[in-house]
PDB file of N, CA and C in Angstrom:
ATOM      1  N   MET A   1      -2.559 -18.724 -15.662  1.00  0.00           N
ATOM      2  CA  MET A   1      -2.762 -18.355 -14.183  1.00  0.00           C
ATOM      3  C   MET A   1      -3.889 -18.878 -13.441  1.00  0.00           C
ATOM      4  N   SER A   2      -3.591 -19.053 -12.263  1.00  0.00           N
ATOM      5  CA  SER A   2      -4.838 -19.688 -11.476  1.00  0.00           C
ATOM      6  C   SER A   2      -6.053 -18.499 -11.292  1.00  0.00           C
ATOM      7  N   TRP A   3      -6.898 -18.787 -11.355  1.00  0.00           N
ATOM      8  CA  TRP A   3      -7.917 -17.841 -10.570  1.00  0.00           C
ATOM      9  C   TRP A   3      -7.590 -17.081  -9.285  1.00  0.00           C
ATOM     10  N   ILE A   4      -7.062 -17.833  -8.433  1.00  0.00           N
ATOM     11  CA  ILE A   4      -6.604 -17.187  -7.036  1.00  0.00           C
ATOM     12  C   ILE A   4      -5.349 -16.362  -7.501  1.00  0.00           C
ATOM     13  N   ALA A   5      -4.178 -16.544  -8.447  1.00  0.00           N
ATOM     14  CA  ALA A   5      -3.327 -15.904  -8.482  1.00  0.00           C
ATOM     15  C   ALA A   5      -4.073 -14.553  -9.343  1.00  0.00           C
ATOM     16  N   TRP A   6      -4.764 -14.588 -10.162  1.00  0.00           N
ATOM     17  CA  TRP A   6      -5.502 -13.405 -10.871  1.00  0.00           C
ATOM     18  C   TRP A   6      -5.844 -12.550  -9.844  1.00  0.00           C
ATOM     19  N   ILE A   7      -6.878 -13.056  -8.640  1.00  0.00           N
ATOM     20  CA  ILE A   7      -7.350 -12.286  -7.555  1.00  0.00           C
ATOM     21  C   ILE A   7      -5.870 -11.479  -6.788  1.00  0.00           C
ATOM     22  N   VAL A   8      -5.129 -12.317  -6.281  1.00  0.00           N
ATOM     23  CA  VAL A   8      -4.111 -11.671  -5.778  1.00  0.00           C
ATOM     24  C   VAL A   8      -3.552 -10.864  -6.449  1.00  0.00           C
ATOM     25  N   VAL A   9      -3.107 -10.864  -7.855  1.00  0.00           N
ATOM     26  CA  VAL A   9      -2.536  -9.635  -8.713  1.00  0.00           C
ATOM     27  C   VAL A   9      -3.627  -8.524  -8.568  1.00  0.00           C
ATOM     28  N   GLY A  10      -4.701  -9.220  -8.863  1.00  0.00           N
ATOM     29  CA  GLY A  10      -5.903  -8.272  -8.939  1.00  0.00           C
ATOM     30  C   GLY A  10      -5.603  -7.011  -7.905  1.00  0.00           C
ATOM     31  N   LEU A  11      -5.989  -7.680  -6.749  1.00  0.00           N
ATOM     32  CA  LEU A  11      -6.246  -7.159  -5.173  1.00  0.00           C
ATOM     33  C   LEU A  11      -4.935  -6.261  -5.322  1.00  0.00           C
ATOM     34  N   VAL A  12      -3.760  -6.620  -5.408  1.00  0.00           N
ATOM     35  CA  VAL A  12      -2.573  -5.842  -5.302  1.00  0.00           C
ATOM     36  C   VAL A  12      -2.311  -4.607  -6.291  1.00  0.00           C
ATOM     37  N   ALA A  13      -2.798  -4.589  -7.372  1.00  0.00           N
ATOM     38  CA  ALA A  13      -2.556  -3.751  -8.047  1.00  0.00           C
ATOM     39  C   ALA A  13      -3.773  -2.787  -8.406  1.00  0.00           C
ATOM     40  N   GLY A  14      -4.813  -3.193  -7.755  1.00  0.00           N
ATOM     41  CA  GLY A  14      -5.884  -2.147  -7.811  1.00  0.00           C
ATOM     42  C   GLY A  14      -5.382  -1.352  -6.780  1.00  0.00           C
ATOM     43  N   ALA A  15      -4.980  -1.865  -5.444  1.00  0.00           N
ATOM     44  CA  ALA A  15      -4.857  -0.990  -4.326  1.00  0.00           C
ATOM     45  C   ALA A  15      -3.529  -0.216  -4.700  1.00  0.00           C
ATOM     46  N   LEU A  16      -2.719  -0.421  -4.831  1.00  0.00           N
ATOM     47  CA  LEU A  16      -1.465   0.498  -5.750  1.00  0.00           C
ATOM     48  C   LEU A  16      -2.174   1.409  -6.670  1.00  0.00           C
ATOM     49  N   ALA A  17      -2.700   1.173  -7.225  1.00  0.00           N
ATOM     50  CA  ALA A  17      -3.401   2.042  -8.514  1.00  0.00           C
ATOM     51  C   ALA A  17      -4.153   3.080  -7.296  1.00  0.00           C
ATOM     52  N   LYS A  18      -5.005   2.781  -6.607  1.00  0.00           N
ATOM     53  CA  LYS A  18      -5.613   3.634  -5.776  1.00  0.00           C
ATOM     54  C   LYS A  18      -4.787   4.445  -4.832  1.00  0.00           C
ATOM     55  N   LEU A  19      -3.916   3.879  -4.522  1.00  0.00           N
ATOM     56  CA  LEU A  19      -3.072   4.714  -3.319  1.00  0.00           C
ATOM     57  C   LEU A  19      -2.035   5.819  -4.455  1.00  0.00           C
ATOM     58  N   VAL A  20      -1.768   5.747  -5.646  1.00  0.00           N
ATOM     59  CA  VAL A  20      -1.055   6.462  -6.390  1.00  0.00           C
ATOM     60  C   VAL A  20      -2.038   7.809  -7.116  1.00  0.00           C
ATOM     61  N   LEU A  21      -2.904   7.291  -7.537  1.00  0.00           N
ATOM     62  CA  LEU A  21      -3.851   8.200  -8.060  1.00  0.00           C
ATOM     63  C   LEU A  21      -4.444   9.112  -7.096  1.00  0.00           C
ATOM     64  N   PRO A  22      -4.658  10.463  -7.551  1.00  0.00           N
ATOM     65  CA  PRO A  22      -4.973  11.491  -6.069  1.00  0.00           C
ATOM     66  C   PRO A  22      -6.743  11.204  -5.990  1.00  0.00           C
ATOM     67  N   GLY A  23      -6.759  11.794  -5.045  1.00  0.00           N
ATOM     68  CA  GLY A  23      -8.416  12.047  -5.177  1.00  0.00           C
ATOM     69  C   GLY A  23      -9.470  10.411  -4.586  1.00  0.00           C
ATOM     70  N   ARG A  24     -10.352  10.774  -4.526  1.00  0.00           N
ATOM     71  CA  ARG A  24     -11.245   9.570  -4.196  1.00  0.00           C
ATOM     72  C   ARG A  24     -11.859   8.649  -5.135  1.00  0.00           C
ATOM     73  N   GLN A  25     -11.673   7.639  -5.220  1.00  0.00           N
ATOM     74  CA  GLN A  25     -12.223   6.708  -6.463  1.00  0.00           C
ATOM     75  C   GLN A  25     -12.982   5.760  -5.462  1.00  0.00           C
ATOM     76  N   PRO A  26     -14.216   5.560  -6.203  1.00  0.00           N
ATOM     77  CA  PRO A  26     -15.304   4.570  -5.409  1.00  0.00           C
ATOM     78  C   PRO A  26     -15.239   3.151  -5.487  1.00  0.00           C
ATOM     79  N   GLY A  27     -15.620   2.554  -4.477  1.00  0.00           N
ATOM     80  CA  GLY A  27     -15.604   1.175  -4.580  1.00  0.00           C
ATOM     81  C   GLY A  27     -14.897   0.580  -3.058  1.00  0.00           C
ATOM     82  N   GLY A  28     -15.196  -0.380  -2.799  1.00  0.00           N
ATOM     83  CA  GLY A  28     -14.433  -1.009  -1.523  1.00  0.00           C
ATOM     84  C   GLY A  28     -13.808  -2.148  -2.360  1.00  0.00           C
ATOM     85  N   LEU A  29     -13.576  -3.393  -1.586  1.00  0.00           N
ATOM     86  CA  LEU A  29     -12.649  -4.277  -1.625  1.00  0.00           C
ATOM     87  C   LEU A  29     -12.867  -5.245  -2.978  1.00  0.00           C
ATOM     88  N   VAL A  30     -13.756  -5.145  -3.253  1.00  0.00           N
ATOM     89  CA  VAL A  30     -14.524  -5.981  -4.135  1.00  0.00           C
ATOM     90  C   VAL A  30     -14.329  -5.166  -5.858  1.00  0.00           C
ATOM     91  N   VAL A  31     -14.611  -3.603  -5.473  1.00  0.00           N
ATOM     92  CA  VAL A  31     -14.210  -2.807  -6.784  1.00  0.00           C
ATOM     93  C   VAL A  31     -13.003  -2.772  -6.904  1.00  0.00           C
ATOM     94  N   THR A  32     -12.194  -2.654  -6.209  1.00  0.00           N
ATOM     95  CA  THR A  32     -10.634  -2.520  -5.957  1.00  0.00           C
ATOM     96  C   THR A  32      -9.822  -3.715  -6.909  1.00  0.00           C
ATOM     97  N   THR A  33     -10.897  -4.896  -6.526  1.00  0.00           N
ATOM     98  CA  THR A  33     -10.131  -6.301  -7.035  1.00  0.00           C
ATOM     99  C   THR A  33     -10.484  -6.313  -8.573  1.00  0.00           C
ATOM    100  N   ALA A  34     -11.646  -5.794  -8.735  1.00  0.00           N
ATOM    101  CA  ALA A  34     -12.340  -5.977 -10.106  1.00  0.00           C
ATOM    102  C   ALA A  34     -11.336  -5.008 -11.378  1.00  0.00           C
ATOM    103  N   VAL A  35     -11.100  -3.889 -10.729  1.00  0.00           N
ATOM    104  CA  VAL A  35     -10.547  -2.637 -11.202  1.00  0.00           C
ATOM    105  C   VAL A  35      -8.864  -3.270 -11.448  1.00  0.00           C
ATOM    106  N   GLY A  36      -8.143  -4.403 -10.507  1.00  0.00           N
ATOM    107  CA  GLY A  36      -6.732  -4.773 -10.642  1.00  0.00           C
ATOM    108  C   GLY A  36      -6.874  -5.545 -11.596  1.00  0.00           C
ATOM    109  N   ILE A  37      -7.683  -6.905 -11.851  1.00  0.00           N
ATOM    110  CA  ILE A  37      -8.078  -7.493 -12.522  1.00  0.00           C
ATOM    111  C   ILE A  37      -8.398  -7.198 -13.926  1.00  0.00           C
ATOM    112  N   GLY A  38      -9.210  -6.310 -14.317  1.00  0.00           N
ATOM    113  CA  GLY A  38      -9.250  -5.538 -15.386  1.00  0.00           C
ATOM    114  C   GLY A  38      -8.065  -4.708 -15.748  1.00  0.00           C
ATOM    115  N   GLY A  39      -7.373  -4.273 -14.863  1.00  0.00           N
ATOM    116  CA  GLY A  39      -6.276  -3.447 -15.232  1.00  0.00           C
ATOM    117  C   GLY A  39      -5.167  -4.473 -15.697  1.00  0.00           C
ATOM    118  N   GLY A  40      -5.221  -5.812 -15.236  1.00  0.00           N
ATOM    119  CA  GLY A  40      -4.576  -6.750 -15.866  1.00  0.00           C
ATOM    120  C   GLY A  40      -4.626  -7.201 -17.264  1.00  0.00           C
ATOM    121  N   VAL A  41      -5.819  -7.120 -17.791  1.00  0.00           N
ATOM    122  CA  VAL A  41      -6.254  -7.539 -18.996  1.00  0.00           C
ATOM    123  C   VAL A  41      -5.740  -6.372 -19.803  1.00  0.00           C
ATOM    124  N   ILE A  42      -5.921  -5.385 -19.556  1.00  0.00           N
ATOM    125  CA  ILE A  42      -5.892  -4.014 -20.066  1.00  0.00           C
ATOM    126  C   ILE A  42      -4.400  -3.628 -20.280  1.00  0.00           C
ATOM    127  N   GLY A  43      -3.722  -3.995 -19.233  1.00  0.00           N
ATOM    128  CA  GLY A  43      -2.374  -3.908 -19.205  1.00  0.00           C
ATOM    129  C   GLY A  43      -1.278  -4.700 -19.829  1.00  0.00           C
ATOM    130  N   GLY A  44      -1.732  -6.216 -20.087  1.00  0.00           N
ATOM    131  CA  GLY A  44      -1.472  -7.126 -20.618  1.00  0.00           C
ATOM    132  C   GLY A  44      -1.608  -6.815 -22.216  1.00  0.00           C
ATOM    133  N   TRP A  45      -2.594  -6.317 -22.841  1.00  0.00           N
ATOM    134  CA  TRP A  45      -3.079  -5.983 -24.026  1.00  0.00           C
ATOM    135  C   TRP A  45      -2.404  -4.811 -24.832  1.00  0.00           C
ATOM    136  N   LEU A  46      -1.971  -3.699 -23.739  1.00  0.00           N
ATOM    137  CA  LEU A  46      -1.458  -2.711 -23.966  1.00  0.00           C
ATOM    138  C   LEU A  46       0.020  -3.179 -24.116  1.00  0.00           C
ATOM    139  N   SER A  47       0.753  -4.048 -23.408  1.00  0.00           N
ATOM    140  CA  SER A  47       2.150  -4.316 -23.604  1.00  0.00           C
ATOM    141  C   SER A  47       2.293  -4.974 -24.643  1.00  0.00           C
ATOM    142  N   ALA A  48       1.210  -5.897 -24.787  1.00  0.00           N
ATOM    143  CA  ALA A  48       1.185  -7.010 -26.083  1.00  0.00           C
ATOM    144  C   ALA A  48       1.164  -6.059 -27.348  1.00  0.00           C
ATOM    145  N   GLN A  49       0.598  -4.965 -27.605  1.00  0.00           N
ATOM    146  CA  GLN A  49       0.466  -4.020 -28.921  1.00  0.00           C
ATOM    147  C   GLN A  49       1.743  -3.150 -28.896  1.00  0.00           C
ATOM    148  N   LEU A  50       2.152  -2.735 -27.824  1.00  0.00           N
ATOM    149  CA  LEU A  50       3.245  -2.214 -27.516  1.00  0.00           C
ATOM    150  C   LEU A  50       4.536  -2.681 -27.888  1.00  0.00           C
ATOM    151  N   GLY A  51       4.458  -4.048 -28.020  1.00  0.00           N
ATOM    152  CA  GLY A  51       5.772  -4.810 -28.230  1.00  0.00           C
ATOM    153  C   GLY A  51       6.495  -4.791 -26.909  1.00  0.00           C
ATOM    154  N   VAL A  52       6.036  -4.512 -25.676  1.00  0.00           N
ATOM    155  CA  VAL A  52       7.021  -4.272 -24.732  1.00  0.00           C
ATOM    156  C   VAL A  52       7.018  -5.201 -23.297  1.00  0.00           C
ATOM    157  N   GLY A  53       6.177  -6.491 -23.926  1.00  0.00           N
ATOM    158  CA  GLY A  53       6.247  -7.680 -22.774  1.00  0.00           C
ATOM    159  C   GLY A  53       5.003  -8.241 -23.054  1.00  0.00           C
ATOM    160  N   ALA A  54       4.362  -9.117 -22.130  1.00  0.00           N
ATOM    161  CA  ALA A  54       3.476  -9.986 -22.467  1.00  0.00           C
ATOM    162  C   ALA A  54       2.443  -9.990 -21.165  1.00  0.00           C
ATOM    163  N   ALA A  55       1.055 -10.809 -21.270  1.00  0.00           N
ATOM    164  CA  ALA A  55       0.203 -10.639 -20.413  1.00  0.00           C
ATOM    165  C   ALA A  55       0.934 -11.199 -19.264  1.00  0.00           C
ATOM    166  N   PRO A  56       0.064 -10.866 -18.100  1.00  0.00           N
ATOM    167  CA  PRO A  56       0.422 -11.401 -16.568  1.00  0.00           C
ATOM    168  C   PRO A  56       0.695 -12.786 -16.914  1.00  0.00           C
ATOM    169  N   ASP A  57       1.484 -13.585 -15.941  1.00  0.00           N
ATOM    170  CA  ASP A  57       1.746 -14.973 -16.433  1.00  0.00           C
ATOM    171  C   ASP A  57       1.584 -15.773 -14.966  1.00  0.00           C
ATOM    172  N   GLY A  58       1.871 -15.155 -13.926  1.00  0.00           N
ATOM    173  CA  GLY A  58       1.922 -15.466 -12.870  1.00  0.00           C
ATOM    174  C   GLY A  58       2.090 -14.714 -11.482  1.00  0.00           C
ATOM    175  N   LEU A  59       2.142 -15.117 -10.283  1.00  0.00           N
ATOM    176  CA  LEU A  59       2.223 -14.197  -9.215  1.00  0.00           C
ATOM    177  C   LEU A  59       3.487 -13.605  -9.370  1.00  0.00           C
ATOM    178  N   ASN A  60       3.750 -12.725  -9.890  1.00  0.00           N
ATOM    179  CA  ASN A  60       5.434 -11.798  -9.854  1.00  0.00           C
ATOM    180  C   ASN A  60       5.236 -10.424  -9.836  1.00  0.00           C
ATOM    181  N   LEU A  61       6.578  -9.960  -9.771  1.00  0.00           N
ATOM    182  CA  LEU A  61       6.265  -8.567 -10.223  1.00  0.00           C
ATOM    183  C   LEU A  61       6.387  -7.897 -11.171  1.00  0.00           C
ATOM    184  N   SER A  62       6.754  -8.489 -12.115  1.00  0.00           N
ATOM    185  CA  SER A  62       6.147  -8.548 -13.677  1.00  0.00           C
ATOM    186  C   SER A  62       4.721  -8.119 -14.087  1.00  0.00           C
ATOM    187  N   SER A  63       4.054  -9.166 -13.472  1.00  0.00           N
ATOM    188  CA  SER A  63       2.670  -9.501 -13.647  1.00  0.00           C
ATOM    189  C   SER A  63       1.869  -8.684 -12.790  1.00  0.00           C
ATOM    190  N   ILE A  64       2.450  -8.436 -11.507  1.00  0.00           N
ATOM    191  CA  ILE A  64       1.688  -6.992 -10.880  1.00  0.00           C
ATOM    192  C   ILE A  64       2.096  -5.649 -11.269  1.00  0.00           C
ATOM    193  N   GLY A  65       3.416  -5.269 -12.027  1.00  0.00           N
ATOM    194  CA  GLY A  65       3.661  -4.156 -12.769  1.00  0.00           C
ATOM    195  C   GLY A  65       2.764  -3.782 -13.853  1.00  0.00           C
ATOM    196  N   VAL A  66       2.287  -4.944 -14.590  1.00  0.00           N
ATOM    197  CA  VAL A  66       1.486  -4.730 -16.003  1.00  0.00           C
ATOM    198  C   VAL A  66       0.192  -4.452 -15.353  1.00  0.00           C
ATOM    199  N   ALA A  67      -0.355  -5.375 -14.358  1.00  0.00           N
ATOM    200  CA  ALA A  67      -1.755  -5.009 -13.887  1.00  0.00           C
ATOM    201  C   ALA A  67      -1.789  -3.731 -13.175  1.00  0.00           C
ATOM    202  N   PHE A  68      -0.663  -3.405 -12.538  1.00  0.00           N
ATOM    203  CA  PHE A  68      -0.807  -1.790 -12.172  1.00  0.00           C
ATOM    204  C   PHE A  68      -0.921  -0.781 -13.218  1.00  0.00           C
ATOM    205  N   VAL A  69      -0.414  -0.699 -14.133  1.00  0.00           N
ATOM    206  CA  VAL A  69      -0.253   0.321 -14.832  1.00  0.00           C
ATOM    207  C   VAL A  69      -1.710   0.136 -15.634  1.00  0.00           C
ATOM    208  N   GLY A  70      -2.224  -0.876 -16.175  1.00  0.00           N
ATOM    209  CA  GLY A  70      -3.754  -1.285 -16.438  1.00  0.00           C
ATOM    210  C   GLY A  70      -4.454  -0.861 -15.649  1.00  0.00           C
ATOM    211  N   ALA A  71      -4.486  -1.147 -14.446  1.00  0.00           N
ATOM    212  CA  ALA A  71      -5.401  -0.601 -13.434  1.00  0.00           C
ATOM    213  C   ALA A  71      -5.125   0.725 -13.337  1.00  0.00           C
ATOM    214  N   VAL A  72      -4.224   1.771 -13.182  1.00  0.00           N
ATOM    215  CA  VAL A  72      -4.094   3.017 -13.216  1.00  0.00           C
ATOM    216  C   VAL A  72      -5.007   3.584 -14.151  1.00  0.00           C
ATOM    217  N   VAL A  73      -4.565   2.950 -15.579  1.00  0.00           N
ATOM    218  CA  VAL A  73      -5.443   3.468 -16.717  1.00  0.00           C
ATOM    219  C   VAL A  73      -7.192   3.356 -16.535  1.00  0.00           C
ATOM    220  N   LEU A  74      -7.397   2.063 -16.162  1.00  0.00           N
ATOM    221  CA  LEU A  74      -8.545   1.693 -15.976  1.00  0.00           C
ATOM    222  C   LEU A  74      -9.385   2.902 -14.887  1.00  0.00           C
ATOM    223  N   LEU A  75      -8.694   2.885 -14.037  1.00  0.00           N
ATOM    224  CA  LEU A  75      -9.249   4.006 -12.717  1.00  0.00           C
ATOM    225  C   LEU A  75      -9.360   5.613 -13.522  1.00  0.00           C
ATOM    226  N   LEU A  76      -8.437   6.203 -14.385  1.00  0.00           N
ATOM    227  CA  LEU A  76      -8.621   7.244 -15.059  1.00  0.00           C
ATOM    228  C   LEU A  76      -9.672   7.346 -15.884  1.00  0.00           C
ATOM    229  N   ILE A  77      -9.727   6.406 -16.317  1.00  0.00           N
ATOM    230  CA  ILE A  77     -10.987   6.252 -17.283  1.00  0.00           C
ATOM    231  C   ILE A  77     -12.159   6.042 -16.491  1.00  0.00           C
ATOM    232  N   LEU A  78     -12.650   5.267 -15.265  1.00  0.00           N
ATOM    233  CA  LEU A  78     -13.462   5.443 -14.193  1.00  0.00           C
ATOM    234  C   LEU A  78     -13.658   6.939 -13.810  1.00  0.00           C
ATOM    235  N   GLN A  79     -12.927   7.442 -13.482  1.00  0.00           N
ATOM    236  CA  GLN A  79     -12.951   8.680 -13.090  1.00  0.00           C
ATOM    237  C   GLN A  79     -13.291   9.687 -14.119  1.00  0.00           C
ATOM    238  N   GLY A  80     -12.937   9.632 -15.050  1.00  0.00           N
ATOM    239  CA  GLY A  80     -13.568  10.529 -16.419  1.00  0.00           C
ATOM    240  C   GLY A  80     -14.928  10.513 -16.467  1.00  0.00           C
ATOM    241  N   VAL A  81     -15.159   9.124 -16.544  1.00  0.00           N
ATOM    242  CA  VAL A  81     -16.766   8.457 -16.651  1.00  0.00           C
ATOM    243  C   VAL A  81     -17.513   9.367 -15.699  1.00  0.00           C
ATOM    244  N   ALA A  82     -17.079   9.046 -14.304  1.00  0.00           N
ATOM    245  CA  ALA A  82     -17.903   9.727 -13.153  1.00  0.00           C
ATOM    246  C   ALA A  82     -17.742  11.084 -12.652  1.00  0.00           C
ATOM    247  N   GLY A  83     -16.890  11.352 -13.365  1.00  0.00           N
ATOM    248  CA  GLY A  83     -16.558  13.261 -13.318  1.00  0.00           C
ATOM    249  C   GLY A  83     -17.826  13.611 -14.415  1.00  0.00           C
ATOM    250  N   ARG A  84     -18.018  12.761 -15.540  1.00  0.00           N
ATOM    251  CA  ARG A  84     -18.982  13.428 -16.335  1.00  0.00           C
ATOM    252  C   ARG A  84     -20.628  13.394 -15.918  1.00  0.00           C
ATOM    253  N   GLN A  85     -20.727  12.370 -15.089  1.00  0.00           N
ATOM    254  CA  GLN A  85     -22.062  12.225 -14.437  1.00  0.00           C
ATOM    255  C   GLN A  85     -22.251  12.881 -13.423  1.00  0.00           C
ATOM    256  N   GLY A  86     -21.075  13.105 -12.445  1.00  0.00           N
ATOM    257  CA  GLY A  86     -21.725  13.983 -11.340  1.00  0.00           C
ATOM    258  C   GLY A  86     -21.159  15.255 -11.245  1.00  0.00           C
TER     259      GLY A  86
END
C-alpha cells in the first residue's frame, strides 16, 4: 500500500476512533493520523494473530475497519497512560 493510502486510512480511522471514544483525547490532526496509522499496524497484527483477517492492504472499508479497531485499542492505551500521569 502506498504511503498516501496509509495516511488517508490512518486519518479516517483515527478520526472515527476519536469520535467513538468518550472524553477528550489529546492531539490534533498529526496525532490523529499517527494514532490511525499505528492503529492500522496494531489492528493488522491483532487480526492476523486471531486468524480473522489480514493487515490493511489498500484504501477500502476492510482496511479502514481494521485500522479503526487498532486505533481504538491504541487510544484506550494512550488514555490509560495519560490518566496515570495526570
